Every structure is written in C-alpha cells, then in structure tokens.
Amino acid sequence: MSNVVSWIPKPNNRIVMIEVLDENDRSEFGSERANEAIAWFARNPLGKRVVVTNWFADDEDAAPIGESVDVTALVLAGMAEGRGRIGE
C-alpha cells in the first residue's frame, strides 16, 4: 500500500470557508467562522446566498476542493427557529 496516491490533502492543509454571495454570486464576505458569516448574512439576507467550500491551502496558494454547497435554506431555517424561541 505504500505506492497508493492520496487524493485528499492532509486535514491541516484544509480550510472550510463560509461565504456570503450577493445576487450576482460575487463574494461579499467570507470567514472560517460560521457565526461571523451568518451574522453578516443576517444583516441583509435579501437576494443573498450562503455557501460552504472546502479549500486546500499551502504557504503559497489555495484552491477549492470540489463544489461549494449552498446552505442558505439551512441558515434561514435556523434563523427562523431562533427567532421563534426568543422570549420563551
């Protein structure tokens, strides 16, 4: 098994980035911290999307690994659930 090629980078070289995209799919805000990205999104969610992307990063470069995952519906559901629980 010593000659098997690894296609998945080591975990210490991976970054999970949460981005808020505008209505033209341009990045408005990005962070490795979900709470920061969600707070940015919550300020004005109209027409915006929240996506999660796994990145490979080294000292010189960064490149996405696979497709971004759109989690906007999940974030909106969590926000609605949280609002319903305030004051209970």
PDB file of N, CA and C in Angstrom:
ATOM      1  N   MET A   1       0.811  -1.206   0.000  1.00  0.00           N
ATOM      2  CA  MET A   1       0.000   0.000   0.000  1.00  0.00           C
ATOM      3  C   MET A   1       0.854   1.271   0.000  1.00  0.00           C
ATOM      4  N   SER A   2       2.142   1.142   0.038  1.00  0.00           N
ATOM      5  CA  SER A   2       2.991   2.331   0.092  1.00  0.00           C
ATOM      6  C   SER A   2       3.011   3.100  -1.230  1.00  0.00           C
ATOM      7  N   ASN A   3       2.546   2.494  -2.313  1.00  0.00           N
ATOM      8  CA  ASN A   3       2.556   3.178  -3.603  1.00  0.00           C
ATOM      9  C   ASN A   3       1.184   3.771  -3.966  1.00  0.00           C
ATOM     10  N   VAL A   4       0.268   3.814  -3.025  1.00  0.00           N
ATOM     11  CA  VAL A   4      -1.060   4.377  -3.279  1.00  0.00           C
ATOM     12  C   VAL A   4      -0.975   5.905  -3.223  1.00  0.00           C
ATOM     13  N   VAL A   5      -1.567   6.548  -4.207  1.00  0.00           N
ATOM     14  CA  VAL A   5      -1.583   8.009  -4.260  1.00  0.00           C
ATOM     15  C   VAL A   5      -2.744   8.521  -3.418  1.00  0.00           C
ATOM     16  N   SER A   6      -2.489   9.515  -2.611  1.00  0.00           N
ATOM     17  CA  SER A   6      -3.551  10.127  -1.802  1.00  0.00           C
ATOM     18  C   SER A   6      -4.099  11.346  -2.533  1.00  0.00           C
ATOM     19  N   TRP A   7      -5.392  11.355  -2.786  1.00  0.00           N
ATOM     20  CA  TRP A   7      -6.023  12.476  -3.469  1.00  0.00           C
ATOM     21  C   TRP A   7      -6.607  13.485  -2.502  1.00  0.00           C
ATOM     22  N   ILE A   8      -6.678  13.128  -1.235  1.00  0.00           N
ATOM     23  CA  ILE A   8      -7.257  14.023  -0.234  1.00  0.00           C
ATOM     24  C   ILE A   8      -6.128  14.652   0.566  1.00  0.00           C
ATOM     25  N   PRO A   9      -6.040  15.981   0.584  1.00  0.00           N
ATOM     26  CA  PRO A   9      -4.967  16.623   1.328  1.00  0.00           C
ATOM     27  C   PRO A   9      -5.084  16.336   2.830  1.00  0.00           C
ATOM     28  N   LYS A  10      -3.990  16.440   3.508  1.00  0.00           N
ATOM     29  CA  LYS A  10      -3.999  16.258   4.953  1.00  0.00           C
ATOM     30  C   LYS A  10      -4.897  17.314   5.595  1.00  0.00           C
ATOM     31  N   PRO A  11      -5.579  16.965   6.686  1.00  0.00           N
ATOM     32  CA  PRO A  11      -6.502  17.910   7.326  1.00  0.00           C
ATOM     33  C   PRO A  11      -5.892  19.255   7.687  1.00  0.00           C
ATOM     34  N   ASN A  12      -4.614  19.290   8.047  1.00  0.00           N
ATOM     35  CA  ASN A  12      -4.020  20.573   8.416  1.00  0.00           C
ATOM     36  C   ASN A  12      -3.825  21.499   7.222  1.00  0.00           C
ATOM     37  N   ASN A  13      -4.025  21.006   6.011  1.00  0.00           N
ATOM     38  CA  ASN A  13      -3.923  21.837   4.813  1.00  0.00           C
ATOM     39  C   ASN A  13      -5.291  22.232   4.274  1.00  0.00           C
ATOM     40  N   ARG A  14      -6.353  21.877   4.992  1.00  0.00           N
ATOM     41  CA  ARG A  14      -7.701  22.186   4.521  1.00  0.00           C
ATOM     42  C   ARG A  14      -8.319  23.323   5.323  1.00  0.00           C
ATOM     43  N   ILE A  15      -9.073  24.131   4.624  1.00  0.00           N
ATOM     44  CA  ILE A  15      -9.807  25.235   5.233  1.00  0.00           C
ATOM     45  C   ILE A  15     -11.254  25.111   4.794  1.00  0.00           C
ATOM     46  N   VAL A  16     -12.178  25.234   5.723  1.00  0.00           N
ATOM     47  CA  VAL A  16     -13.591  25.288   5.386  1.00  0.00           C
ATOM     48  C   VAL A  16     -13.991  26.760   5.424  1.00  0.00           C
ATOM     49  N   MET A  17     -14.404  27.282   4.274  1.00  0.00           N
ATOM     50  CA  MET A  17     -14.749  28.693   4.151  1.00  0.00           C
ATOM     51  C   MET A  17     -16.252  28.840   3.977  1.00  0.00           C
ATOM     52  N   ILE A  18     -16.848  29.718   4.765  1.00  0.00           N
ATOM     53  CA  ILE A  18     -18.265  30.038   4.651  1.00  0.00           C
ATOM     54  C   ILE A  18     -18.333  31.427   4.031  1.00  0.00           C
ATOM     55  N   GLU A  19     -19.003  31.526   2.885  1.00  0.00           N
ATOM     56  CA  GLU A  19     -19.075  32.800   2.169  1.00  0.00           C
ATOM     57  C   GLU A  19     -20.513  33.255   1.994  1.00  0.00           C
ATOM     58  N   VAL A  20     -20.690  34.564   1.999  1.00  0.00           N
ATOM     59  CA  VAL A  20     -21.964  35.176   1.664  1.00  0.00           C
ATOM     60  C   VAL A  20     -21.800  35.750   0.261  1.00  0.00           C
ATOM     61  N   LEU A  21     -22.665  35.301  -0.651  1.00  0.00           N
ATOM     62  CA  LEU A  21     -22.615  35.759  -2.036  1.00  0.00           C
ATOM     63  C   LEU A  21     -23.754  36.727  -2.306  1.00  0.00           C
ATOM     64  N   ASP A  22     -23.488  37.737  -3.116  1.00  0.00           N
ATOM     65  CA  ASP A  22     -24.545  38.683  -3.466  1.00  0.00           C
ATOM     66  C   ASP A  22     -25.421  38.111  -4.580  1.00  0.00           C
ATOM     67  N   GLU A  23     -26.364  38.900  -5.061  1.00  0.00           N
ATOM     68  CA  GLU A  23     -27.308  38.423  -6.072  1.00  0.00           C
ATOM     69  C   GLU A  23     -26.637  38.081  -7.401  1.00  0.00           C
ATOM     70  N   ASN A  24     -25.384  38.524  -7.604  1.00  0.00           N
ATOM     71  CA  ASN A  24     -24.625  38.195  -8.811  1.00  0.00           C
ATOM     72  C   ASN A  24     -23.574  37.115  -8.543  1.00  0.00           C
ATOM     73  N   ASP A  25     -23.706  36.423  -7.419  1.00  0.00           N
ATOM     74  CA  ASP A  25     -22.790  35.353  -6.997  1.00  0.00           C
ATOM     75  C   ASP A  25     -21.356  35.826  -6.787  1.00  0.00           C
ATOM     76  N   ARG A  26     -21.196  37.082  -6.429  1.00  0.00           N
ATOM     77  CA  ARG A  26     -19.882  37.597  -6.047  1.00  0.00           C
ATOM     78  C   ARG A  26     -19.769  37.534  -4.530  1.00  0.00           C
ATOM     79  N   SER A  27     -18.601  37.190  -4.055  1.00  0.00           N
ATOM     80  CA  SER A  27     -18.391  37.063  -2.615  1.00  0.00           C
ATOM     81  C   SER A  27     -18.427  38.436  -1.954  1.00  0.00           C
ATOM     82  N   GLU A  28     -19.303  38.570  -0.954  1.00  0.00           N
ATOM     83  CA  GLU A  28     -19.383  39.795  -0.155  1.00  0.00           C
ATOM     84  C   GLU A  28     -18.586  39.659   1.127  1.00  0.00           C
ATOM     85  N   PHE A  29     -18.577  38.443   1.665  1.00  0.00           N
ATOM     86  CA  PHE A  29     -17.936  38.206   2.947  1.00  0.00           C
ATOM     87  C   PHE A  29     -17.554  36.741   3.028  1.00  0.00           C
ATOM     88  N   GLY A  30     -16.420  36.449   3.624  1.00  0.00           N
ATOM     89  CA  GLY A  30     -16.003  35.072   3.816  1.00  0.00           C
ATOM     90  C   GLY A  30     -15.272  34.909   5.133  1.00  0.00           C
ATOM     91  N   SER A  31     -15.456  33.770   5.758  1.00  0.00           N
ATOM     92  CA  SER A  31     -14.813  33.512   7.038  1.00  0.00           C
ATOM     93  C   SER A  31     -14.722  32.007   7.275  1.00  0.00           C
ATOM     94  N   GLU A  32     -13.771  31.616   8.102  1.00  0.00           N
ATOM     95  CA  GLU A  32     -13.703  30.232   8.557  1.00  0.00           C
ATOM     96  C   GLU A  32     -14.652  30.022   9.731  1.00  0.00           C
ATOM     97  N   ARG A  33     -15.204  31.091  10.256  1.00  0.00           N
ATOM     98  CA  ARG A  33     -16.121  31.026  11.404  1.00  0.00           C
ATOM     99  C   ARG A  33     -17.560  31.217  10.934  1.00  0.00           C
ATOM    100  N   ALA A  34     -18.355  30.181  11.142  1.00  0.00           N
ATOM    101  CA  ALA A  34     -19.742  30.205  10.676  1.00  0.00           C
ATOM    102  C   ALA A  34     -20.521  31.355  11.311  1.00  0.00           C
ATOM    103  N   ASN A  35     -20.313  31.608  12.594  1.00  0.00           N
ATOM    104  CA  ASN A  35     -21.083  32.664  13.258  1.00  0.00           C
ATOM    105  C   ASN A  35     -20.818  34.033  12.647  1.00  0.00           C
ATOM    106  N   GLU A  36     -19.610  34.296  12.192  1.00  0.00           N
ATOM    107  CA  GLU A  36     -19.300  35.578  11.553  1.00  0.00           C
ATOM    108  C   GLU A  36     -20.017  35.706  10.214  1.00  0.00           C
ATOM    109  N   ALA A  37     -19.987  34.643   9.412  1.00  0.00           N
ATOM    110  CA  ALA A  37     -20.639  34.678   8.100  1.00  0.00           C
ATOM    111  C   ALA A  37     -22.152  34.785   8.249  1.00  0.00           C
ATOM    112  N   ILE A  38     -22.720  34.071   9.204  1.00  0.00           N
ATOM    113  CA  ILE A  38     -24.168  34.121   9.408  1.00  0.00           C
ATOM    114  C   ILE A  38     -24.588  35.496   9.922  1.00  0.00           C
ATOM    115  N   ALA A  39     -23.790  36.101  10.795  1.00  0.00           N
ATOM    116  CA  ALA A  39     -24.103  37.452  11.280  1.00  0.00           C
ATOM    117  C   ALA A  39     -24.093  38.444  10.120  1.00  0.00           C
ATOM    118  N   TRP A  40     -23.137  38.305   9.209  1.00  0.00           N
ATOM    119  CA  TRP A  40     -23.077  39.184   8.034  1.00  0.00           C
ATOM    120  C   TRP A  40     -24.318  38.981   7.166  1.00  0.00           C
ATOM    121  N   PHE A  41     -24.664  37.723   6.914  1.00  0.00           N
ATOM    122  CA  PHE A  41     -25.829  37.376   6.100  1.00  0.00           C
ATOM    123  C   PHE A  41     -27.116  37.915   6.737  1.00  0.00           C
ATOM    124  N   ALA A  42     -27.242  37.798   8.042  1.00  0.00           N
ATOM    125  CA  ALA A  42     -28.460  38.199   8.745  1.00  0.00           C
ATOM    126  C   ALA A  42     -28.723  39.703   8.664  1.00  0.00           C
ATOM    127  N   ARG A  43     -27.693  40.485   8.449  1.00  0.00           N
ATOM    128  CA  ARG A  43     -27.870  41.946   8.346  1.00  0.00           C
ATOM    129  C   ARG A  43     -28.762  42.327   7.181  1.00  0.00           C
ATOM    130  N   ASN A  44     -28.647  41.597   6.066  1.00  0.00           N
ATOM    131  CA  ASN A  44     -29.452  41.871   4.880  1.00  0.00           C
ATOM    132  C   ASN A  44     -29.447  40.639   3.975  1.00  0.00           C
ATOM    133  N   PRO A  45     -30.309  39.652   4.267  1.00  0.00           N
ATOM    134  CA  PRO A  45     -30.273  38.401   3.508  1.00  0.00           C
ATOM    135  C   PRO A  45     -30.939  38.443   2.128  1.00  0.00           C
ATOM    136  N   LEU A  46     -31.668  39.509   1.811  1.00  0.00           N
ATOM    137  CA  LEU A  46     -32.431  39.563   0.568  1.00  0.00           C
ATOM    138  C   LEU A  46     -31.539  39.377  -0.657  1.00  0.00           C
ATOM    139  N   GLY A  47     -31.806  38.328  -1.423  1.00  0.00           N
ATOM    140  CA  GLY A  47     -31.075  38.060  -2.659  1.00  0.00           C
ATOM    141  C   GLY A  47     -29.700  37.449  -2.458  1.00  0.00           C
ATOM    142  N   LYS A  48     -29.343  37.146  -1.239  1.00  0.00           N
ATOM    143  CA  LYS A  48     -28.014  36.623  -0.951  1.00  0.00           C
ATOM    144  C   LYS A  48     -28.049  35.119  -0.724  1.00  0.00           C
ATOM    145  N   ARG A  49     -26.867  34.489  -0.819  1.00  0.00           N
ATOM    146  CA  ARG A  49     -26.737  33.056  -0.565  1.00  0.00           C
ATOM    147  C   ARG A  49     -25.556  32.823   0.378  1.00  0.00           C
ATOM    148  N   VAL A  50     -25.638  31.722   1.126  1.00  0.00           N
ATOM    149  CA  VAL A  50     -24.527  31.294   1.978  1.00  0.00           C
ATOM    150  C   VAL A  50     -24.034  29.964   1.417  1.00  0.00           C
ATOM    151  N   VAL A  51     -22.742  29.905   1.128  1.00  0.00           N
ATOM    152  CA  VAL A  51     -22.156  28.674   0.593  1.00  0.00           C
ATOM    153  C   VAL A  51     -20.959  28.266   1.446  1.00  0.00           C
ATOM    154  N   VAL A  52     -20.727  26.963   1.494  1.00  0.00           N
ATOM    155  CA  VAL A  52     -19.587  26.404   2.216  1.00  0.00           C
ATOM    156  C   VAL A  52     -18.687  25.713   1.198  1.00  0.00           C
ATOM    157  N   THR A  53     -17.401  26.031   1.265  1.00  0.00           N
ATOM    158  CA  THR A  53     -16.432  25.447   0.339  1.00  0.00           C
ATOM    159  C   THR A  53     -15.237  24.929   1.122  1.00  0.00           C
ATOM    160  N   ASN A  54     -14.782  23.746   0.762  1.00  0.00           N
ATOM    161  CA  ASN A  54     -13.586  23.160   1.341  1.00  0.00           C
ATOM    162  C   ASN A  54     -12.411  23.575   0.455  1.00  0.00           C
ATOM    163  N   TRP A  55     -11.354  24.113   1.061  1.00  0.00           N
ATOM    164  CA  TRP A  55     -10.198  24.583   0.314  1.00  0.00           C
ATOM    165  C   TRP A  55      -8.944  23.844   0.749  1.00  0.00           C
ATOM    166  N   PHE A  56      -8.054  23.604  -0.195  1.00  0.00           N
ATOM    167  CA  PHE A  56      -6.705  23.135   0.096  1.00  0.00           C
ATOM    168  C   PHE A  56      -5.826  24.381   0.089  1.00  0.00           C
ATOM    169  N   ALA A  57      -5.026  24.552   1.110  1.00  0.00           N
ATOM    170  CA  ALA A  57      -4.159  25.724   1.183  1.00  0.00           C
ATOM    171  C   ALA A  57      -2.766  25.309   1.624  1.00  0.00           C
ATOM    172  N   ASP A  58      -1.772  25.915   0.974  1.00  0.00           N
ATOM    173  CA  ASP A  58      -0.398  25.748   1.438  1.00  0.00           C
ATOM    174  C   ASP A  58       0.181  27.140   1.644  1.00  0.00           C
ATOM    175  N   ASP A  59       1.472  27.238   1.760  1.00  0.00           N
ATOM    176  CA  ASP A  59       2.098  28.529   2.042  1.00  0.00           C
ATOM    177  C   ASP A  59       1.944  29.540   0.911  1.00  0.00           C
ATOM    178  N   GLU A  60       1.727  29.063  -0.313  1.00  0.00           N
ATOM    179  CA  GLU A  60       1.707  29.956  -1.460  1.00  0.00           C
ATOM    180  C   GLU A  60       0.366  30.080  -2.152  1.00  0.00           C
ATOM    181  N   ASP A  61      -0.470  29.051  -2.059  1.00  0.00           N
ATOM    182  CA  ASP A  61      -1.660  29.003  -2.895  1.00  0.00           C
ATOM    183  C   ASP A  61      -2.845  28.417  -2.144  1.00  0.00           C
ATOM    184  N   ALA A  62      -4.019  28.623  -2.694  1.00  0.00           N
ATOM    185  CA  ALA A  62      -5.237  27.979  -2.193  1.00  0.00           C
ATOM    186  C   ALA A  62      -6.103  27.616  -3.396  1.00  0.00           C
ATOM    187  N   ALA A  63      -6.777  26.470  -3.292  1.00  0.00           N
ATOM    188  CA  ALA A  63      -7.640  26.016  -4.381  1.00  0.00           C
ATOM    189  C   ALA A  63      -8.830  25.284  -3.787  1.00  0.00           C
ATOM    190  N   PRO A  64     -10.026  25.502  -4.344  1.00  0.00           N
ATOM    191  CA  PRO A  64     -11.192  24.787  -3.821  1.00  0.00           C
ATOM    192  C   PRO A  64     -11.109  23.294  -4.087  1.00  0.00           C
ATOM    193  N   ILE A  65     -11.662  22.526  -3.158  1.00  0.00           N
ATOM    194  CA  ILE A  65     -11.742  21.074  -3.309  1.00  0.00           C
ATOM    195  C   ILE A  65     -13.216  20.753  -3.541  1.00  0.00           C
ATOM    196  N   GLY A  66     -13.558  20.353  -4.739  1.00  0.00           N
ATOM    197  CA  GLY A  66     -14.939  20.014  -5.036  1.00  0.00           C
ATOM    198  C   GLY A  66     -15.819  21.243  -5.202  1.00  0.00           C
ATOM    199  N   GLU A  67     -17.112  20.998  -5.166  1.00  0.00           N
ATOM    200  CA  GLU A  67     -18.114  22.045  -5.374  1.00  0.00           C
ATOM    201  C   GLU A  67     -18.471  22.734  -4.063  1.00  0.00           C
ATOM    202  N   SER A  68     -18.900  23.972  -4.147  1.00  0.00           N
ATOM    203  CA  SER A  68     -19.450  24.669  -2.989  1.00  0.00           C
ATOM    204  C   SER A  68     -20.834  24.100  -2.690  1.00  0.00           C
ATOM    205  N   VAL A  69     -21.200  24.108  -1.418  1.00  0.00           N
ATOM    206  CA  VAL A  69     -22.510  23.627  -1.001  1.00  0.00           C
ATOM    207  C   VAL A  69     -23.335  24.832  -0.556  1.00  0.00           C
ATOM    208  N   ASP A  70     -24.495  25.014  -1.180  1.00  0.00           N
ATOM    209  CA  ASP A  70     -25.387  26.115  -0.828  1.00  0.00           C
ATOM    210  C   ASP A  70     -26.176  25.728   0.427  1.00  0.00           C
ATOM    211  N   VAL A  71     -25.959  26.463   1.517  1.00  0.00           N
ATOM    212  CA  VAL A  71     -26.625  26.170   2.793  1.00  0.00           C
ATOM    213  C   VAL A  71     -27.589  27.290   3.189  1.00  0.00           C
ATOM    214  N   THR A  72     -27.992  28.100   2.227  1.00  0.00           N
ATOM    215  CA  THR A  72     -28.867  29.237   2.508  1.00  0.00           C
ATOM    216  C   THR A  72     -30.161  28.807   3.181  1.00  0.00           C
ATOM    217  N   ALA A  73     -30.815  27.786   2.653  1.00  0.00           N
ATOM    218  CA  ALA A  73     -32.085  27.334   3.230  1.00  0.00           C
ATOM    219  C   ALA A  73     -31.884  26.860   4.671  1.00  0.00           C
ATOM    220  N   LEU A  74     -30.792  26.194   4.933  1.00  0.00           N
ATOM    221  CA  LEU A  74     -30.489  25.725   6.282  1.00  0.00           C
ATOM    222  C   LEU A  74     -30.260  26.898   7.234  1.00  0.00           C
ATOM    223  N   VAL A  75     -29.523  27.897   6.787  1.00  0.00           N
ATOM    224  CA  VAL A  75     -29.265  29.078   7.608  1.00  0.00           C
ATOM    225  C   VAL A  75     -30.564  29.833   7.881  1.00  0.00           C
ATOM    226  N   LEU A  76     -31.390  30.016   6.852  1.00  0.00           N
ATOM    227  CA  LEU A  76     -32.667  30.717   7.031  1.00  0.00           C
ATOM    228  C   LEU A  76     -33.580  29.960   7.989  1.00  0.00           C
ATOM    229  N   ALA A  77     -33.612  28.633   7.882  1.00  0.00           N
ATOM    230  CA  ALA A  77     -34.437  27.828   8.794  1.00  0.00           C
ATOM    231  C   ALA A  77     -33.945  27.974  10.229  1.00  0.00           C
ATOM    232  N   GLY A  78     -32.640  27.968  10.411  1.00  0.00           N
ATOM    233  CA  GLY A  78     -32.073  28.152  11.747  1.00  0.00           C
ATOM    234  C   GLY A  78     -32.373  29.532  12.312  1.00  0.00           C
ATOM    235  N   MET A  79     -32.302  30.541  11.450  1.00  0.00           N
ATOM    236  CA  MET A  79     -32.629  31.901  11.893  1.00  0.00           C
ATOM    237  C   MET A  79     -34.094  31.992  12.300  1.00  0.00           C
ATOM    238  N   ALA A  80     -34.987  31.402  11.508  1.00  0.00           N
ATOM    239  CA  ALA A  80     -36.429  31.434  11.822  1.00  0.00           C
ATOM    240  C   ALA A  80     -36.710  30.682  13.115  1.00  0.00           C
ATOM    241  N   GLU A  81     -36.066  29.544  13.296  1.00  0.00           N
ATOM    242  CA  GLU A  81     -36.240  28.757  14.523  1.00  0.00           C
ATOM    243  C   GLU A  81     -35.750  29.545  15.737  1.00  0.00           C
ATOM    244  N   GLY A  82     -34.627  30.201  15.581  1.00  0.00           N
ATOM    245  CA  GLY A  82     -34.073  31.008  16.677  1.00  0.00           C
ATOM    246  C   GLY A  82     -34.970  32.169  17.042  1.00  0.00           C
ATOM    247  N   ARG A  83     -35.556  32.798  16.045  1.00  0.00           N
ATOM    248  CA  ARG A  83     -36.466  33.926  16.320  1.00  0.00           C
ATOM    249  C   ARG A  83     -37.705  33.448  17.056  1.00  0.00           C
ATOM    250  N   GLY A  84     -38.185  32.254  16.724  1.00  0.00           N
ATOM    251  CA  GLY A  84     -39.380  31.715  17.368  1.00  0.00           C
ATOM    252  C   GLY A  84     -39.159  31.373  18.825  1.00  0.00           C
ATOM    253  N   ARG A  85     -37.919  31.155  19.212  1.00  0.00           N
ATOM    254  CA  ARG A  85     -37.616  30.755  20.586  1.00  0.00           C
ATOM    255  C   ARG A  85     -37.274  31.931  21.490  1.00  0.00           C
ATOM    256  N   ILE A  86     -37.099  33.100  20.928  1.00  0.00           N
ATOM    257  CA  ILE A  86     -36.769  34.255  21.746  1.00  0.00           C
ATOM    258  C   ILE A  86     -37.932  34.574  22.674  1.00  0.00           C
ATOM    259  N   GLY A  87     -37.644  34.710  23.930  1.00  0.00           N
ATOM    260  CA  GLY A  87     -38.682  35.067  24.907  1.00  0.00           C
ATOM    261  C   GLY A  87     -39.439  33.898  25.472  1.00  0.00           C
ATOM    262  N   GLU A  88     -39.145  32.690  25.039  1.00  0.00           N
ATOM    263  CA  GLU A  88     -39.847  31.517  25.587  1.00  0.00           C
ATOM    264  C   GLU A  88     -39.312  31.171  26.956  1.00  0.00           C
TER     265      GLU A  88
END
